[in-house]
Every structure is written in structure tokens, then in C-alpha cells.
């Protein structure tokens, strides 16, 4: 498989390029499904911090989540899997409701930084 494609996927993971520029042939797809790109808590932290700093739009955030988390070209290491999954679940719930506030990111960042399950805080209930 072309190392260029693996590198391109790593760049998508790291927000250096957008996923919509990538085109994949069958052989590359098959190999990537057998040996996916690793995503760690640090990668998700970097994406959420960019969003928090308003350097990433909500649309770009969800495009990234949908591609990286749901494409099967990426996987997380075992010790990060539950934490990342819980953060993605919280973010997906927020997406369904329509809008993410910057303060909604804080519990996700806390969970990622401490490798614990994310809990959604409802600020209007405080």
C-alpha cells in the first residue's frame, strides 16, 4: 500500500488536511481495514481545543468526527477506547440537539485528559 495514503490519513486525523480530498482505491481500502490508523486521546484533545479556540467550525468538527470515528480506517488503542467512545457519544448527542456551546467541550476535555468516561454536564441545570 502506498505510504502516501497512510500519511494522508494521519494528516486528516491531525487536522492538517480535509478528508474530502482523499480518494481511495479498493486495495488501499482493504489494507487500511486490516491495519487502521491509530487515534489516541491526544488527537481528540487537539481537535476539541481547536474548536474551543474557534479555529475549527462546528461543521468541520463533526465532519472530522464522522470521518475519523466512523470510517473504519481508524482505531483507538485499548487503553483509550472507552474514554474516546464516551466523548464521541456526548458530541453526537450535542450534534443531534443542533448546537455545541464552547462550555460543552469542557467535560469532554476533562475526560480525555484524565482518561475517564465523559459525562455530559447540563449547564442550564446548574
Protein backbone atom coordinates (compact mmCIF):
# COMPACT_ATOMS: atom_id res chain seq x y z
CA UNK A 1 0.00 0.00 0.00
CA UNK A 2 1.09 3.48 -0.66
CA UNK A 3 2.60 5.08 2.42
CA UNK A 4 1.37 8.36 0.99
CA UNK A 5 -2.21 7.36 1.67
CA UNK A 6 -1.42 6.31 5.25
CA UNK A 7 0.34 9.63 5.71
CA UNK A 8 -2.63 11.48 4.23
CA UNK A 9 -5.00 9.75 6.67
CA UNK A 10 -2.70 10.65 9.55
CA UNK A 11 -2.82 14.25 8.34
CA UNK A 12 -6.63 14.12 8.32
CA UNK A 13 -6.52 12.76 11.87
CA UNK A 14 -4.25 15.65 12.85
CA UNK A 15 -6.40 18.24 11.01
CA UNK A 16 -3.65 19.11 8.56
CA UNK A 17 -5.81 18.25 5.53
CA UNK A 18 -9.54 17.75 4.99
CA UNK A 19 -10.85 14.28 4.34
CA UNK A 20 -12.82 15.27 1.25
CA UNK A 21 -9.62 15.50 -0.82
CA UNK A 22 -8.82 11.81 -0.33
CA UNK A 23 -9.69 9.15 -2.86
CA UNK A 24 -9.17 5.52 -2.06
CA UNK A 25 -8.86 2.51 -4.31
CA UNK A 26 -10.02 -0.99 -3.35
CA UNK A 27 -6.58 -2.37 -2.47
CA UNK A 28 -5.74 0.56 -0.23
CA UNK A 29 -9.13 0.32 1.46
CA UNK A 30 -8.70 -3.39 2.13
CA UNK A 31 -5.23 -2.89 3.63
CA UNK A 32 -6.38 0.02 5.78
CA UNK A 33 -9.25 -2.03 7.18
CA UNK A 34 -6.72 -4.68 8.21
CA UNK A 35 -4.25 -2.15 9.64
CA UNK A 36 -6.10 1.07 10.55
CA UNK A 37 -4.51 4.36 11.59
CA UNK A 38 -4.27 4.80 15.37
CA UNK A 39 -6.19 7.61 17.05
CA UNK A 40 -5.30 8.49 20.62
CA UNK A 41 -6.85 10.73 23.24
CA UNK A 42 -4.27 13.40 22.37
CA UNK A 43 -5.65 13.61 18.82
CA UNK A 44 -9.18 14.20 20.05
CA UNK A 45 -7.93 16.72 22.61
CA UNK A 46 -6.19 18.69 19.85
CA UNK A 47 -9.36 18.77 17.74
CA UNK A 48 -11.56 19.88 20.66
CA UNK A 49 -9.08 22.57 21.69
CA UNK A 50 -9.12 23.95 18.15
CA UNK A 51 -12.90 24.08 18.30
CA UNK A 52 -12.78 25.73 21.73
CA UNK A 53 -10.36 28.34 20.38
CA UNK A 54 -12.74 28.93 17.46
CA UNK A 55 -10.10 27.75 14.98
CA UNK A 56 -12.42 24.95 13.87
CA UNK A 57 -16.08 25.33 12.95
CA UNK A 58 -18.81 23.11 14.34
CA UNK A 59 -19.36 21.72 10.84
CA UNK A 60 -15.66 20.87 10.48
CA UNK A 61 -15.67 19.29 13.94
CA UNK A 62 -18.49 16.94 13.00
CA UNK A 63 -17.03 16.20 9.58
CA UNK A 64 -13.86 15.14 11.34
CA UNK A 65 -15.73 13.01 13.90
CA UNK A 66 -17.80 11.30 11.23
CA UNK A 67 -14.81 10.51 9.05
CA UNK A 68 -12.27 9.54 11.69
CA UNK A 69 -14.54 7.74 14.11
CA UNK A 70 -16.96 6.05 11.72
CA UNK A 71 -14.84 5.23 8.66
CA UNK A 72 -13.13 2.04 9.95
CA UNK A 73 -9.81 3.43 8.67
CA UNK A 74 -9.00 4.48 12.24
CA UNK A 75 -8.93 2.66 15.55
CA UNK A 76 -8.04 3.60 19.09
CA UNK A 77 -5.65 1.83 21.38
CA UNK A 78 -7.31 -0.30 24.06
CA UNK A 79 -6.46 1.99 26.99
CA UNK A 80 -8.05 4.99 25.22
CA UNK A 81 -11.05 3.26 23.63
CA UNK A 82 -13.71 3.71 26.35
CA UNK A 83 -12.80 7.32 27.01
CA UNK A 84 -12.80 8.30 23.34
CA UNK A 85 -16.05 6.42 22.72
CA UNK A 86 -17.78 8.23 25.57
CA UNK A 87 -16.58 11.62 24.29
CA UNK A 88 -17.79 10.84 20.77
CA UNK A 89 -21.16 9.78 22.21
CA UNK A 90 -21.51 13.07 24.11
CA UNK A 91 -20.59 15.05 20.98
CA UNK A 92 -23.02 13.07 18.84
CA UNK A 93 -25.83 13.82 21.31
CA UNK A 94 -24.95 17.50 21.15
CA UNK A 95 -24.95 17.39 17.36
CA UNK A 96 -28.43 15.86 17.35
CA UNK A 97 -29.63 18.75 19.51
CA UNK A 98 -28.26 21.17 16.96
CA UNK A 99 -25.59 23.31 18.53
CA UNK A 100 -22.50 22.87 20.68
CA UNK A 101 -21.53 25.58 23.09
CA UNK A 102 -17.87 26.06 23.98
CA UNK A 103 -18.62 25.09 27.60
CA UNK A 104 -19.98 21.73 26.35
CA UNK A 105 -16.42 20.84 25.38
CA UNK A 106 -15.02 21.16 28.93
CA UNK A 107 -16.33 17.82 30.29
CA UNK A 108 -15.04 16.11 27.15
CA UNK A 109 -11.58 17.64 27.51
CA UNK A 110 -11.51 16.75 31.21
CA UNK A 111 -12.44 13.15 30.43
CA UNK A 112 -9.80 12.89 27.70
CA UNK A 113 -7.07 14.48 29.81
CA UNK A 114 -7.83 12.09 32.70
CA UNK A 115 -8.72 9.00 30.62
CA UNK A 116 -12.15 8.64 32.19
CA UNK A 117 -15.62 8.27 30.75
CA UNK A 118 -17.13 11.56 29.60
CA UNK A 119 -20.24 12.80 31.36
CA UNK A 120 -22.38 15.47 29.85
CA UNK A 121 -22.90 18.47 32.05
CA UNK A 122 -26.08 20.38 31.55
CA UNK A 123 -25.08 23.93 32.36
CA UNK A 124 -28.63 25.21 32.40
CA UNK A 125 -29.36 22.74 35.24
CA UNK A 126 -26.56 24.09 37.48
